């Protein structure tokens, strides 16, 4: 019997790398709704016992993106919203309104307009590095308040250690997540070129030093990187934040149109301005720093 040999196909390393990268990019969530489906399936599928972000309460999965919280098991007391208190919601650690206000689309029509017109906003809203499971009521109480120290404020959610001062619009989270919060803020502000006040920087730098990266935070970053295509460099140690930090803005630059994406730079309305110091290009639409670049 004559055996027919199959032809051997050689694939160059560069072609293989491009192929693997293309597969990875297909996994990147392109909307907040998609990200909320990705997070339970690929990031937190086996982590319900680590507890919700602010309270440490266990939950059970329900539906495609939500969950039911074991309030009695963690001593949580409902403050005002029983329906939201019983369910898991996906919170933006850096609130959507915070990064939205940095975009022109928000000034022109708020969140709805940004979702319809701004790919950078959609990338920020769907960024898995910035999403975490929380009790819905706590998510609502946190709102878009800044983080801070509330030494004289009493807790309002039973055994849940989160503190909320509604008059000062300030939240103090439990100690276990303060470091993760700091490094998430550093990541979002650096990647998407967001401004941060000196006071907030000083607080988050203190939390970053006091609460170093945990084993779960590293594992979470690894899982998120598999979906997003990149890690949080402030978790891996590739970057560190200092007062007056200069943002890398990779998340903004990566959306610059190129010929390979089917759209050339000449198709953009107006003049593209380049910052000779930061080496970042600014488009006339959607870039809050455009008018500050000469």
C-alpha atoms as a PDB file:
ATOM      1  CA  UNK A   1       0.000   0.000   0.000  1.00  0.00           C
ATOM      2  CA  UNK A   2       1.339   3.360  -0.958  1.00  0.00           C
ATOM      3  CA  UNK A   3       1.293   5.952   1.825  1.00  0.00           C
ATOM      4  CA  UNK A   4       0.708   9.513   0.715  1.00  0.00           C
ATOM      5  CA  UNK A   5       2.605  12.022   2.800  1.00  0.00           C
ATOM      6  CA  UNK A   6       0.852  15.190   3.809  1.00  0.00           C
ATOM      7  CA  UNK A   7       2.639  18.384   2.811  1.00  0.00           C
ATOM      8  CA  UNK A   8       4.444  20.188   5.586  1.00  0.00           C
ATOM      9  CA  UNK A   9       3.344  23.799   5.981  1.00  0.00           C
ATOM     10  CA  UNK A  10       5.772  26.262   7.511  1.00  0.00           C
ATOM     11  CA  UNK A  11       4.372  29.379   9.140  1.00  0.00           C
ATOM     12  CA  UNK A  12       6.665  32.242   9.932  1.00  0.00           C
ATOM     13  CA  UNK A  13       6.811  33.507  13.500  1.00  0.00           C
ATOM     14  CA  UNK A  14       5.507  36.934  12.438  1.00  0.00           C
ATOM     15  CA  UNK A  15       2.458  35.449  10.695  1.00  0.00           C
ATOM     16  CA  UNK A  16       1.719  33.242  13.696  1.00  0.00           C
ATOM     17  CA  UNK A  17       2.038  36.224  16.039  1.00  0.00           C
ATOM     18  CA  UNK A  18      -0.310  38.303  13.889  1.00  0.00           C
ATOM     19  CA  UNK A  19      -2.799  35.426  13.886  1.00  0.00           C
ATOM     20  CA  UNK A  20      -2.682  35.059  17.660  1.00  0.00           C
ATOM     21  CA  UNK A  21      -3.057  38.788  18.137  1.00  0.00           C
ATOM     22  CA  UNK A  22      -6.052  38.863  15.805  1.00  0.00           C
ATOM     23  CA  UNK A  23      -7.713  36.097  17.824  1.00  0.00           C
ATOM     24  CA  UNK A  24      -7.047  38.041  20.993  1.00  0.00           C
ATOM     25  CA  UNK A  25      -8.536  41.231  19.594  1.00  0.00           C
ATOM     26  CA  UNK A  26     -11.694  39.338  18.695  1.00  0.00           C
ATOM     27  CA  UNK A  27     -12.172  38.679  22.417  1.00  0.00           C
ATOM     28  CA  UNK A  28     -12.006  42.364  23.443  1.00  0.00           C
ATOM     29  CA  UNK A  29     -15.476  43.502  24.575  1.00  0.00           C
ATOM     30  CA  UNK A  30     -16.703  46.406  22.462  1.00  0.00           C
ATOM     31  CA  UNK A  31     -19.525  47.583  24.715  1.00  0.00           C
ATOM     32  CA  UNK A  32     -20.424  47.777  28.397  1.00  0.00           C
ATOM     33  CA  UNK A  33     -23.158  45.172  27.892  1.00  0.00           C
ATOM     34  CA  UNK A  34     -20.669  42.788  26.308  1.00  0.00           C
ATOM     35  CA  UNK A  35     -18.163  43.408  29.091  1.00  0.00           C
ATOM     36  CA  UNK A  36     -20.799  42.536  31.707  1.00  0.00           C
ATOM     37  CA  UNK A  37     -21.217  39.176  29.998  1.00  0.00           C
ATOM     38  CA  UNK A  38     -17.470  38.603  29.690  1.00  0.00           C
ATOM     39  CA  UNK A  39     -16.685  39.335  33.343  1.00  0.00           C
ATOM     40  CA  UNK A  40     -18.720  36.476  34.909  1.00  0.00           C
ATOM     41  CA  UNK A  41     -17.652  33.978  32.249  1.00  0.00           C
ATOM     42  CA  UNK A  42     -13.929  34.624  32.121  1.00  0.00           C
ATOM     43  CA  UNK A  43     -12.862  36.705  35.149  1.00  0.00           C
ATOM     44  CA  UNK A  44     -15.068  35.898  38.147  1.00  0.00           C
ATOM     45  CA  UNK A  45     -16.575  32.539  37.166  1.00  0.00           C
ATOM     46  CA  UNK A  46     -14.913  30.765  40.114  1.00  0.00           C
ATOM     47  CA  UNK A  47     -14.487  33.663  42.516  1.00  0.00           C
ATOM     48  CA  UNK A  48     -17.861  34.148  44.213  1.00  0.00           C
ATOM     49  CA  UNK A  49     -16.335  33.237  47.572  1.00  0.00           C
ATOM     50  CA  UNK A  50     -13.903  36.169  47.477  1.00  0.00           C
ATOM     51  CA  UNK A  51     -16.930  38.378  48.081  1.00  0.00           C
ATOM     52  CA  UNK A  52     -18.326  41.521  46.535  1.00  0.00           C
ATOM     53  CA  UNK A  53     -15.920  44.412  46.121  1.00  0.00           C
ATOM     54  CA  UNK A  54     -16.957  46.735  48.952  1.00  0.00           C
ATOM     55  CA  UNK A  55     -18.603  44.314  51.377  1.00  0.00           C
ATOM     56  CA  UNK A  56     -17.046  40.890  50.879  1.00  0.00           C
ATOM     57  CA  UNK A  57     -20.462  39.207  50.510  1.00  0.00           C
ATOM     58  CA  UNK A  58     -20.738  35.917  48.622  1.00  0.00           C
ATOM     59  CA  UNK A  59     -23.161  35.607  45.732  1.00  0.00           C
ATOM     60  CA  UNK A  60     -24.578  33.059  43.301  1.00  0.00           C
ATOM     61  CA  UNK A  61     -24.746  33.603  39.554  1.00  0.00           C
ATOM     62  CA  UNK A  62     -28.090  34.322  37.924  1.00  0.00           C
ATOM     63  CA  UNK A  63     -28.740  35.145  34.281  1.00  0.00           C
ATOM     64  CA  UNK A  64     -26.061  36.140  31.789  1.00  0.00           C
ATOM     65  CA  UNK A  65     -24.361  38.886  33.772  1.00  0.00           C
ATOM     66  CA  UNK A  66     -25.854  39.157  37.259  1.00  0.00           C
ATOM     67  CA  UNK A  67     -26.047  37.412  40.582  1.00  0.00           C
ATOM     68  CA  UNK A  68     -27.978  37.067  43.832  1.00  0.00           C
ATOM     69  CA  UNK A  69     -26.181  38.270  46.972  1.00  0.00           C
ATOM     70  CA  UNK A  70     -26.174  36.339  50.249  1.00  0.00           C
ATOM     71  CA  UNK A  71     -26.987  39.363  52.443  1.00  0.00           C
ATOM     72  CA  UNK A  72     -27.672  37.409  55.622  1.00  0.00           C
ATOM     73  CA  UNK A  73     -24.450  35.469  55.344  1.00  0.00           C
ATOM     74  CA  UNK A  74     -22.318  38.631  55.428  1.00  0.00           C
ATOM     75  CA  UNK A  75     -24.410  40.699  57.811  1.00  0.00           C
ATOM     76  CA  UNK A  76     -25.404  43.266  55.230  1.00  0.00           C
ATOM     77  CA  UNK A  77     -28.277  45.574  56.175  1.00  0.00           C
ATOM     78  CA  UNK A  78     -30.386  47.194  53.468  1.00  0.00           C
ATOM     79  CA  UNK A  79     -30.183  50.959  53.717  1.00  0.00           C
ATOM     80  CA  UNK A  80     -32.870  52.054  51.269  1.00  0.00           C
ATOM     81  CA  UNK A  81     -33.079  49.982  48.059  1.00  0.00           C
ATOM     82  CA  UNK A  82     -34.023  46.329  48.728  1.00  0.00           C
ATOM     83  CA  UNK A  83     -34.205  45.316  45.065  1.00  0.00           C
ATOM     84  CA  UNK A  84     -30.735  46.597  44.228  1.00  0.00           C
ATOM     85  CA  UNK A  85     -29.334  45.286  47.505  1.00  0.00           C
ATOM     86  CA  UNK A  86     -30.142  41.711  46.533  1.00  0.00           C
ATOM     87  CA  UNK A  87     -28.396  41.712  43.168  1.00  0.00           C
ATOM     88  CA  UNK A  88     -24.911  41.953  41.738  1.00  0.00           C
ATOM     89  CA  UNK A  89     -24.112  44.969  39.569  1.00  0.00           C
ATOM     90  CA  UNK A  90     -20.940  45.707  37.631  1.00  0.00           C
ATOM     91  CA  UNK A  91     -19.393  48.914  38.852  1.00  0.00           C
ATOM     92  CA  UNK A  92     -16.885  51.128  37.103  1.00  0.00           C
ATOM     93  CA  UNK A  93     -14.234  51.768  39.759  1.00  0.00           C
ATOM     94  CA  UNK A  94     -13.457  54.995  37.894  1.00  0.00           C
ATOM     95  CA  UNK A  95     -17.054  56.125  37.280  1.00  0.00           C
ATOM     96  CA  UNK A  96     -18.342  56.424  33.722  1.00  0.00           C
ATOM     97  CA  UNK A  97     -19.348  60.035  34.332  1.00  0.00           C
ATOM     98  CA  UNK A  98     -15.768  60.830  35.388  1.00  0.00           C
ATOM     99  CA  UNK A  99     -14.138  59.566  32.201  1.00  0.00           C
ATOM    100  CA  UNK A 100     -17.141  60.613  30.119  1.00  0.00           C
ATOM    101  CA  UNK A 101     -16.830  64.268  31.100  1.00  0.00           C
ATOM    102  CA  UNK A 102     -13.320  64.239  29.611  1.00  0.00           C
ATOM    103  CA  UNK A 103     -14.826  63.532  26.174  1.00  0.00           C
ATOM    104  CA  UNK A 104     -16.434  66.087  23.874  1.00  0.00           C
ATOM    105  CA  UNK A 105     -19.294  63.685  23.189  1.00  0.00           C
ATOM    106  CA  UNK A 106     -20.374  64.002  26.838  1.00  0.00           C
ATOM    107  CA  UNK A 107     -20.548  67.775  26.540  1.00  0.00           C
ATOM    108  CA  UNK A 108     -22.655  67.419  23.399  1.00  0.00           C
ATOM    109  CA  UNK A 109     -25.184  64.914  24.697  1.00  0.00           C
ATOM    110  CA  UNK A 110     -24.098  62.921  27.723  1.00  0.00           C
ATOM    111  CA  UNK A 111     -23.590  59.191  28.027  1.00  0.00           C
ATOM    112  CA  UNK A 112     -26.113  58.249  25.354  1.00  0.00           C
ATOM    113  CA  UNK A 113     -24.353  60.409  22.789  1.00  0.00           C
ATOM    114  CA  UNK A 114     -20.930  59.044  23.753  1.00  0.00           C
ATOM    115  CA  UNK A 115     -22.100  55.454  23.346  1.00  0.00           C
ATOM    116  CA  UNK A 116     -23.423  56.295  19.876  1.00  0.00           C
ATOM    117  CA  UNK A 117     -20.528  58.389  18.567  1.00  0.00           C
ATOM    118  CA  UNK A 118     -17.259  57.916  20.472  1.00  0.00           C
ATOM    119  CA  UNK A 119     -15.214  54.684  20.130  1.00  0.00           C
ATOM    120  CA  UNK A 120     -12.805  55.795  22.855  1.00  0.00           C
ATOM    121  CA  UNK A 121     -15.660  56.225  25.342  1.00  0.00           C
ATOM    122  CA  UNK A 122     -17.000  52.778  24.434  1.00  0.00           C
ATOM    123  CA  UNK A 123     -13.541  51.312  24.983  1.00  0.00           C
ATOM    124  CA  UNK A 124     -13.330  52.946  28.411  1.00  0.00           C
ATOM    125  CA  UNK A 125     -16.835  51.836  29.378  1.00  0.00           C
ATOM    126  CA  UNK A 126     -16.084  48.234  28.339  1.00  0.00           C
ATOM    127  CA  UNK A 127     -12.600  48.061  29.889  1.00  0.00           C
ATOM    128  CA  UNK A 128     -12.590  44.957  32.106  1.00  0.00           C
ATOM    129  CA  UNK A 129      -9.708  46.296  34.185  1.00  0.00           C
ATOM    130  CA  UNK A 130     -12.139  48.910  35.545  1.00  0.00           C
ATOM    131  CA  UNK A 131     -15.117  46.616  36.244  1.00  0.00           C
ATOM    132  CA  UNK A 132     -15.867  44.849  39.520  1.00  0.00           C
ATOM    133  CA  UNK A 133     -18.880  43.048  41.043  1.00  0.00           C
ATOM    134  CA  UNK A 134     -20.646  45.025  43.773  1.00  0.00           C
ATOM    135  CA  UNK A 135     -23.919  44.963  45.658  1.00  0.00           C
ATOM    136  CA  UNK A 136     -26.312  47.057  43.581  1.00  0.00           C
ATOM    137  CA  UNK A 137     -27.342  49.303  46.467  1.00  0.00           C
ATOM    138  CA  UNK A 138     -23.724  50.078  47.329  1.00  0.00           C
ATOM    139  CA  UNK A 139     -23.034  50.787  43.675  1.00  0.00           C
ATOM    140  CA  UNK A 140     -25.882  53.299  43.725  1.00  0.00           C
ATOM    141  CA  UNK A 141     -24.766  54.848  47.025  1.00  0.00           C
ATOM    142  CA  UNK A 142     -21.189  55.199  45.802  1.00  0.00           C
ATOM    143  CA  UNK A 143     -22.503  56.981  42.676  1.00  0.00           C
ATOM    144  CA  UNK A 144     -19.594  58.921  41.167  1.00  0.00           C
ATOM    145  CA  UNK A 145     -18.195  60.099  44.502  1.00  0.00           C
ATOM    146  CA  UNK A 146     -14.447  60.386  45.022  1.00  0.00           C
ATOM    147  CA  UNK A 147     -12.654  58.098  47.439  1.00  0.00           C
ATOM    148  CA  UNK A 148     -11.340  59.486  50.704  1.00  0.00           C
ATOM    149  CA  UNK A 149     -10.825  58.940  54.431  1.00  0.00           C
ATOM    150  CA  UNK A 150     -13.971  59.145  56.594  1.00  0.00           C
ATOM    151  CA  UNK A 151     -12.640  58.582  60.106  1.00  0.00           C
ATOM    152  CA  UNK A 152     -15.732  59.959  61.873  1.00  0.00           C
ATOM    153  CA  UNK A 153     -18.376  58.569  59.499  1.00  0.00           C
ATOM    154  CA  UNK A 154     -20.381  55.557  60.628  1.00  0.00           C
ATOM    155  CA  UNK A 155     -21.220  52.664  58.317  1.00  0.00           C
ATOM    156  CA  UNK A 156     -24.764  52.520  56.972  1.00  0.00           C
ATOM    157  CA  UNK A 157     -24.892  48.984  55.565  1.00  0.00           C
ATOM    158  CA  UNK A 158     -24.647  46.729  58.604  1.00  0.00           C
ATOM    159  CA  UNK A 159     -21.479  44.655  58.735  1.00  0.00           C
ATOM    160  CA  UNK A 160     -20.369  45.923  55.312  1.00  0.00           C
ATOM    161  CA  UNK A 161     -17.324  48.117  56.068  1.00  0.00           C
ATOM    162  CA  UNK A 162     -17.884  50.671  53.295  1.00  0.00           C
ATOM    163  CA  UNK A 163     -18.565  54.262  54.436  1.00  0.00           C
ATOM    164  CA  UNK A 164     -20.456  56.861  52.403  1.00  0.00           C
ATOM    165  CA  UNK A 165     -20.731  60.569  53.212  1.00  0.00           C
ATOM    166  CA  UNK A 166     -23.475  61.873  50.939  1.00  0.00           C
ATOM    167  CA  UNK A 167     -22.933  65.534  51.907  1.00  0.00           C
ATOM    168  CA  UNK A 168     -19.213  65.438  51.180  1.00  0.00           C
ATOM    169  CA  UNK A 169     -19.776  63.110  48.209  1.00  0.00           C
ATOM    170  CA  UNK A 170     -16.985  60.872  49.487  1.00  0.00           C
ATOM    171  CA  UNK A 171     -16.618  57.095  49.930  1.00  0.00           C
ATOM    172  CA  UNK A 172     -14.126  55.126  52.008  1.00  0.00           C
ATOM    173  CA  UNK A 173     -13.904  51.469  50.909  1.00  0.00           C
ATOM    174  CA  UNK A 174     -12.755  48.530  53.000  1.00  0.00           C
ATOM    175  CA  UNK A 175      -8.996  48.216  53.422  1.00  0.00           C
ATOM    176  CA  UNK A 176      -8.791  45.014  51.353  1.00  0.00           C
ATOM    177  CA  UNK A 177      -9.545  46.824  48.083  1.00  0.00           C
ATOM    178  CA  UNK A 178      -7.880  50.209  48.602  1.00  0.00           C
ATOM    179  CA  UNK A 179      -4.713  49.163  46.788  1.00  0.00           C
ATOM    180  CA  UNK A 180      -6.642  47.710  43.857  1.00  0.00           C
ATOM    181  CA  UNK A 181      -8.681  50.912  43.612  1.00  0.00           C
ATOM    182  CA  UNK A 182      -5.512  53.017  43.490  1.00  0.00           C
ATOM    183  CA  UNK A 183      -3.933  50.930  40.739  1.00  0.00           C
ATOM    184  CA  UNK A 184      -7.176  50.902  38.748  1.00  0.00           C
ATOM    185  CA  UNK A 185      -7.320  54.698  38.905  1.00  0.00           C
ATOM    186  CA  UNK A 186      -3.691  54.954  37.815  1.00  0.00           C
ATOM    187  CA  UNK A 187      -4.388  52.624  34.895  1.00  0.00           C
ATOM    188  CA  UNK A 188      -7.527  54.401  33.644  1.00  0.00           C
ATOM    189  CA  UNK A 189      -6.088  57.884  33.956  1.00  0.00           C
ATOM    190  CA  UNK A 190      -2.812  56.899  32.326  1.00  0.00           C
ATOM    191  CA  UNK A 191      -4.286  54.854  29.478  1.00  0.00           C
ATOM    192  CA  UNK A 192      -7.097  57.245  28.552  1.00  0.00           C
ATOM    193  CA  UNK A 193      -5.322  60.520  29.339  1.00  0.00           C
ATOM    194  CA  UNK A 194      -7.609  61.626  32.171  1.00  0.00           C
ATOM    195  CA  UNK A 195      -6.738  64.437  34.615  1.00  0.00           C
ATOM    196  CA  UNK A 196      -6.450  63.695  38.333  1.00  0.00           C
ATOM    197  CA  UNK A 197      -6.324  66.233  41.147  1.00  0.00           C
ATOM    198  CA  UNK A 198      -3.205  66.433  43.292  1.00  0.00           C
ATOM    199  CA  UNK A 199      -5.237  65.594  46.410  1.00  0.00           C
ATOM    200  CA  UNK A 200      -6.632  62.404  44.849  1.00  0.00           C
ATOM    201  CA  UNK A 201      -3.165  61.422  43.619  1.00  0.00           C
ATOM    202  CA  UNK A 202      -1.714  61.786  47.110  1.00  0.00           C
ATOM    203  CA  UNK A 203      -4.427  59.607  48.640  1.00  0.00           C
ATOM    204  CA  UNK A 204      -4.139  56.883  46.011  1.00  0.00           C
ATOM    205  CA  UNK A 205      -0.346  56.875  46.191  1.00  0.00           C
ATOM    206  CA  UNK A 206      -0.627  56.268  49.937  1.00  0.00           C
ATOM    207  CA  UNK A 207      -3.055  53.379  49.362  1.00  0.00           C
ATOM    208  CA  UNK A 208      -0.822  51.931  46.648  1.00  0.00           C
ATOM    209  CA  UNK A 209       2.125  51.837  49.076  1.00  0.00           C
ATOM    210  CA  UNK A 210       0.133  50.658  52.080  1.00  0.00           C
ATOM    211  CA  UNK A 211      -1.764  47.885  50.268  1.00  0.00           C
ATOM    212  CA  UNK A 212       0.524  46.139  47.747  1.00  0.00           C
ATOM    213  CA  UNK A 213      -0.637  43.875  44.926  1.00  0.00           C
ATOM    214  CA  UNK A 214      -2.262  40.656  46.162  1.00  0.00           C
ATOM    215  CA  UNK A 215      -2.155  37.206  44.598  1.00  0.00           C
ATOM    216  CA  UNK A 216      -5.786  37.521  43.473  1.00  0.00           C
ATOM    217  CA  UNK A 217      -5.147  40.955  41.958  1.00  0.00           C
ATOM    218  CA  UNK A 218      -2.337  39.459  39.858  1.00  0.00           C
ATOM    219  CA  UNK A 219      -4.500  36.536  38.798  1.00  0.00           C
ATOM    220  CA  UNK A 220      -7.387  38.871  37.981  1.00  0.00           C
ATOM    221  CA  UNK A 221      -5.036  41.015  35.889  1.00  0.00           C
ATOM    222  CA  UNK A 222      -3.828  37.916  34.023  1.00  0.00           C
ATOM    223  CA  UNK A 223      -7.395  36.876  33.228  1.00  0.00           C
ATOM    224  CA  UNK A 224      -8.404  40.370  32.135  1.00  0.00           C
ATOM    225  CA  UNK A 225      -5.299  40.658  29.953  1.00  0.00           C
ATOM    226  CA  UNK A 226      -6.333  37.497  28.099  1.00  0.00           C
ATOM    227  CA  UNK A 227      -9.558  39.236  27.091  1.00  0.00           C
ATOM    228  CA  UNK A 228      -8.303  42.814  26.691  1.00  0.00           C
ATOM    229  CA  UNK A 229      -4.933  42.115  25.106  1.00  0.00           C
ATOM    230  CA  UNK A 230      -2.956  44.031  27.730  1.00  0.00           C
ATOM    231  CA  UNK A 231      -2.335  44.084  31.481  1.00  0.00           C
ATOM    232  CA  UNK A 232      -2.639  46.899  33.970  1.00  0.00           C
ATOM    233  CA  UNK A 233       1.027  48.011  34.087  1.00  0.00           C
ATOM    234  CA  UNK A 234       0.550  49.386  37.609  1.00  0.00           C
ATOM    235  CA  UNK A 235      -0.295  45.843  38.755  1.00  0.00           C
ATOM    236  CA  UNK A 236       2.509  44.107  36.863  1.00  0.00           C
ATOM    237  CA  UNK A 237       5.058  46.718  37.924  1.00  0.00           C
ATOM    238  CA  UNK A 238       5.823  47.918  34.398  1.00  0.00           C
ATOM    239  CA  UNK A 239       4.755  51.409  35.413  1.00  0.00           C
ATOM    240  CA  UNK A 240       4.621  53.378  38.648  1.00  0.00           C
ATOM    241  CA  UNK A 241       2.705  56.553  39.444  1.00  0.00           C
ATOM    242  CA  UNK A 242       4.288  59.706  40.827  1.00  0.00           C
ATOM    243  CA  UNK A 243       2.870  63.156  41.504  1.00  0.00           C
ATOM    244  CA  UNK A 244       2.648  64.997  38.219  1.00  0.00           C
ATOM    245  CA  UNK A 245       2.537  61.725  36.294  1.00  0.00           C
ATOM    246  CA  UNK A 246       2.596  62.098  32.508  1.00  0.00           C
ATOM    247  CA  UNK A 247      -0.095  59.918  30.957  1.00  0.00           C
ATOM    248  CA  UNK A 248       0.829  57.398  28.281  1.00  0.00           C
ATOM    249  CA  UNK A 249      -2.582  57.759  26.583  1.00  0.00           C
ATOM    250  CA  UNK A 250      -2.238  54.421  24.773  1.00  0.00           C
ATOM    251  CA  UNK A 251      -5.993  53.951  24.854  1.00  0.00           C
ATOM    252  CA  UNK A 252      -6.530  57.189  22.955  1.00  0.00           C
ATOM    253  CA  UNK A 253      -3.666  56.855  20.486  1.00  0.00           C
ATOM    254  CA  UNK A 254      -4.700  53.320  19.569  1.00  0.00           C
ATOM    255  CA  UNK A 255      -7.912  54.686  18.105  1.00  0.00           C
ATOM    256  CA  UNK A 256      -6.106  56.931  15.623  1.00  0.00           C
ATOM    257  CA  UNK A 257      -7.405  55.944  12.168  1.00  0.00           C
ATOM    258  CA  UNK A 258      -4.935  54.185   9.872  1.00  0.00           C
ATOM    259  CA  UNK A 259      -5.035  52.866   6.336  1.00  0.00           C
ATOM    260  CA  UNK A 260      -5.111  49.291   7.671  1.00  0.00           C
ATOM    261  CA  UNK A 261      -8.364  50.038   9.479  1.00  0.00           C
ATOM    262  CA  UNK A 262     -10.010  51.127   6.225  1.00  0.00           C
ATOM    263  CA  UNK A 263      -9.946  54.818   7.032  1.00  0.00           C
ATOM    264  CA  UNK A 264      -7.107  57.209   6.250  1.00  0.00           C
ATOM    265  CA  UNK A 265      -6.035  60.225   8.238  1.00  0.00           C
ATOM    266  CA  UNK A 266      -7.239  62.478   5.443  1.00  0.00           C
ATOM    267  CA  UNK A 267     -10.770  61.299   6.141  1.00  0.00           C
ATOM    268  CA  UNK A 268     -10.758  63.053   9.522  1.00  0.00           C
ATOM    269  CA  UNK A 269     -12.481  66.436   9.509  1.00  0.00           C
ATOM    270  CA  UNK A 270     -10.110  69.203  10.584  1.00  0.00           C
ATOM    271  CA  UNK A 271      -6.438  69.313  11.522  1.00  0.00           C
ATOM    272  CA  UNK A 272      -4.720  66.653  13.624  1.00  0.00           C
ATOM    273  CA  UNK A 273      -2.448  68.232  16.225  1.00  0.00           C
ATOM    274  CA  UNK A 274       0.624  66.551  17.687  1.00  0.00           C
ATOM    275  CA  UNK A 275       2.047  67.322  21.120  1.00  0.00           C
ATOM    276  CA  UNK A 276       5.829  67.421  20.675  1.00  0.00           C
ATOM    277  CA  UNK A 277       6.407  66.724  24.387  1.00  0.00           C
ATOM    278  CA  UNK A 278       4.056  63.791  24.999  1.00  0.00           C
ATOM    279  CA  UNK A 279       4.271  62.475  21.403  1.00  0.00           C
ATOM    280  CA  UNK A 280       0.464  62.108  21.478  1.00  0.00           C
ATOM    281  CA  UNK A 281      -1.722  63.060  18.517  1.00  0.00           C
ATOM    282  CA  UNK A 282      -5.078  64.778  19.102  1.00  0.00           C
ATOM    283  CA  UNK A 283      -8.109  64.603  16.820  1.00  0.00           C
ATOM    284  CA  UNK A 284     -10.478  67.593  16.493  1.00  0.00           C
ATOM    285  CA  UNK A 285     -13.401  65.367  17.514  1.00  0.00           C
ATOM    286  CA  UNK A 286     -13.512  63.556  20.835  1.00  0.00           C
ATOM    287  CA  UNK A 287     -10.187  64.750  22.288  1.00  0.00           C
ATOM    288  CA  UNK A 288     -10.613  67.065  25.299  1.00  0.00           C
ATOM    289  CA  UNK A 289      -6.995  68.289  25.067  1.00  0.00           C
ATOM    290  CA  UNK A 290      -7.278  69.288  21.381  1.00  0.00           C
ATOM    291  CA  UNK A 291      -7.732  73.031  21.985  1.00  0.00           C
ATOM    292  CA  UNK A 292      -4.831  73.136  24.465  1.00  0.00           C
ATOM    293  CA  UNK A 293      -2.337  71.910  21.874  1.00  0.00           C
ATOM    294  CA  UNK A 294      -0.846  74.716  19.791  1.00  0.00           C
END
